[in-house]
Amino acid sequence: MPLMRIDMVKGRRTPDEIKRVMQLSYDLTRKDLGVPEDDRFQVVTQHEAYEMKLMDAGLGIKRSDDILLFDILSTPRTMGQKKQYCQDMAQTFHEELGMDPADVMIVFATNHAEDFSFGNGKQQFLNGELS
């Protein structure tokens, strides 16, 4: 049940390209993080270029306005799963969309099942509707 927020510079992608970004990232989330089908929660936010300042932490990474920032809020995942996911995302977005791997930035944050309410004022993992 990861919640994936995808930030990008406004006007750099068509609606079909944005849908492709969403689908590719969802497919890899299923493959690498073991997320079941229909467990899909993605939000895309587009920003003016001046609203995104994503430095390289001194690593010498050159970014462009094509950058995609994936912020993934998820129940705990193993270090191996996260490492594979990051590698696969960079490779897949390069191969499928022609993106520079430097423009694929991923941040993981951890929460727990009880931190979700999918609607109706209920916490479905706590009341047994989901397990």
Protein backbone atom coordinates (compact mmCIF):
# COMPACT_ATOMS: atom_id res chain seq x y z
CA MET A 1 0.00 0.00 0.00
CA PRO A 2 2.64 2.51 -0.87
CA LEU A 3 1.48 6.05 -1.47
CA MET A 4 3.58 7.39 -4.32
CA ARG A 5 3.85 11.09 -4.98
CA ILE A 6 5.49 12.01 -8.25
CA ASP A 7 6.73 15.58 -8.65
CA MET A 8 7.75 16.98 -12.01
CA VAL A 9 8.25 20.26 -13.83
CA LYS A 10 5.04 21.48 -15.44
CA GLY A 11 4.79 21.37 -19.21
CA ARG A 12 7.65 18.91 -19.78
CA ARG A 13 5.39 15.89 -20.44
CA THR A 14 2.15 15.20 -22.27
CA PRO A 15 -0.76 13.56 -20.44
CA ASP A 16 0.11 10.25 -22.15
CA GLU A 17 3.73 10.53 -21.01
CA ILE A 18 2.58 11.20 -17.45
CA LYS A 19 0.35 8.13 -17.59
CA ARG A 20 3.34 6.13 -18.83
CA VAL A 21 5.47 7.38 -15.90
CA MET A 22 2.72 6.33 -13.53
CA GLN A 23 2.31 2.89 -15.12
CA LEU A 24 6.04 2.11 -15.25
CA SER A 25 6.55 3.12 -11.63
CA TYR A 26 3.50 1.09 -10.55
CA ASP A 27 4.71 -1.99 -12.46
CA LEU A 28 8.12 -1.80 -10.80
CA THR A 29 6.54 -1.24 -7.40
CA ARG A 30 4.63 -4.48 -7.88
CA LYS A 31 7.70 -6.34 -9.15
CA ASP A 32 10.37 -5.11 -6.74
CA LEU A 33 8.41 -4.21 -3.61
CA GLY A 34 5.88 -7.04 -3.76
CA VAL A 35 2.83 -4.80 -3.95
CA PRO A 36 -0.36 -6.67 -4.94
CA GLU A 37 -2.47 -5.78 -7.96
CA ASP A 38 -5.01 -2.99 -7.37
CA ASP A 39 -2.86 -1.61 -4.54
CA ARG A 40 -2.21 1.59 -6.42
CA PHE A 41 -2.06 5.05 -4.86
CA GLN A 42 -0.26 7.63 -7.00
CA VAL A 43 -0.48 11.41 -7.09
CA VAL A 44 1.26 13.55 -9.69
CA THR A 45 2.03 17.18 -8.93
CA GLN A 46 3.44 19.51 -11.54
CA HIS A 47 5.47 22.52 -10.51
CA GLU A 48 6.95 25.55 -12.20
CA ALA A 49 10.67 24.93 -12.77
CA TYR A 50 11.62 27.52 -10.16
CA GLU A 51 9.57 25.62 -7.55
CA MET A 52 11.82 22.54 -7.72
CA LYS A 53 15.37 22.84 -6.44
CA LEU A 54 16.80 19.34 -6.11
CA MET A 55 20.52 19.52 -5.48
CA ASP A 56 22.90 16.58 -5.72
CA ALA A 57 24.23 16.51 -2.12
CA GLY A 58 27.74 17.06 -3.48
CA LEU A 59 27.69 13.91 -5.65
CA GLY A 60 28.26 15.69 -8.97
CA ILE A 61 24.89 14.58 -10.38
CA LYS A 62 23.73 16.84 -13.21
CA ARG A 63 19.96 17.23 -13.26
CA SER A 64 17.67 18.71 -15.88
CA ASP A 65 14.10 20.02 -15.92
CA ASP A 66 13.06 16.46 -16.86
CA ILE A 67 13.67 15.32 -13.28
CA LEU A 68 11.09 13.13 -11.59
CA LEU A 69 10.96 12.99 -7.81
CA PHE A 70 9.29 9.85 -6.44
CA ASP A 71 8.33 10.14 -2.79
CA ILE A 72 7.20 6.70 -1.60
CA LEU A 73 5.43 6.32 1.72
CA SER A 74 5.26 2.62 2.50
CA THR A 75 5.23 -0.05 5.12
CA PRO A 76 8.78 -1.26 5.83
CA ARG A 77 10.72 -2.69 2.88
CA THR A 78 14.08 -4.44 2.97
CA MET A 79 17.25 -2.68 1.97
CA GLY A 80 17.56 -5.16 -0.90
CA GLN A 81 14.08 -4.34 -2.19
CA LYS A 82 14.77 -0.60 -2.09
CA LYS A 83 18.14 -0.99 -3.80
CA GLN A 84 16.66 -3.13 -6.59
CA TYR A 85 13.76 -0.72 -7.04
CA CYS A 86 16.03 2.30 -7.41
CA GLN A 87 18.22 0.49 -9.93
CA ASP A 88 15.26 -0.78 -11.92
CA MET A 89 13.55 2.61 -11.94
CA ALA A 90 16.63 4.39 -13.32
CA GLN A 91 17.24 1.68 -15.92
CA THR A 92 13.60 1.33 -17.00
CA PHE A 93 13.01 5.07 -17.30
CA HIS A 94 16.18 5.34 -19.37
CA GLU A 95 15.25 2.43 -21.65
CA GLU A 96 11.51 3.13 -21.96
CA LEU A 97 11.42 6.94 -21.86
CA GLY A 98 14.95 7.93 -22.85
CA MET A 99 15.48 9.67 -19.51
CA ASP A 100 18.86 10.36 -18.02
CA PRO A 101 19.10 8.14 -14.91
CA ALA A 102 20.31 11.23 -13.03
CA ASP A 103 16.80 12.64 -13.43
CA VAL A 104 15.16 9.82 -11.46
CA MET A 105 15.24 10.66 -7.75
CA ILE A 106 13.55 8.38 -5.20
CA VAL A 107 12.89 8.95 -1.52
CA PHE A 108 11.43 6.27 0.75
CA ALA A 109 9.58 7.04 3.97
CA THR A 110 8.19 4.37 6.28
CA ASN A 111 4.84 4.11 7.94
CA HIS A 112 2.72 1.19 9.17
CA ALA A 113 -0.58 -0.38 8.17
CA GLU A 114 -2.40 1.27 11.06
CA ASP A 115 -1.41 4.68 9.66
CA PHE A 116 -3.84 4.33 6.73
CA SER A 117 -7.52 5.11 6.42
CA PHE A 118 -8.78 4.35 2.93
CA GLY A 119 -12.05 6.19 3.55
CA ASN A 120 -15.30 6.19 5.49
CA GLY A 121 -13.53 7.24 8.68
CA LYS A 122 -12.22 3.71 9.22
CA GLN A 123 -8.75 2.29 9.62
CA GLN A 124 -9.30 -0.85 7.61
CA PHE A 125 -6.17 -2.65 8.80
CA LEU A 126 -7.19 -2.12 12.42
CA ASN A 127 -10.81 -3.17 12.07
CA GLY A 128 -10.06 -6.30 10.02
CA GLU A 129 -11.41 -5.20 6.63
CA LEU A 130 -7.86 -5.54 5.27
CA SER A 131 -5.03 -7.74 6.45
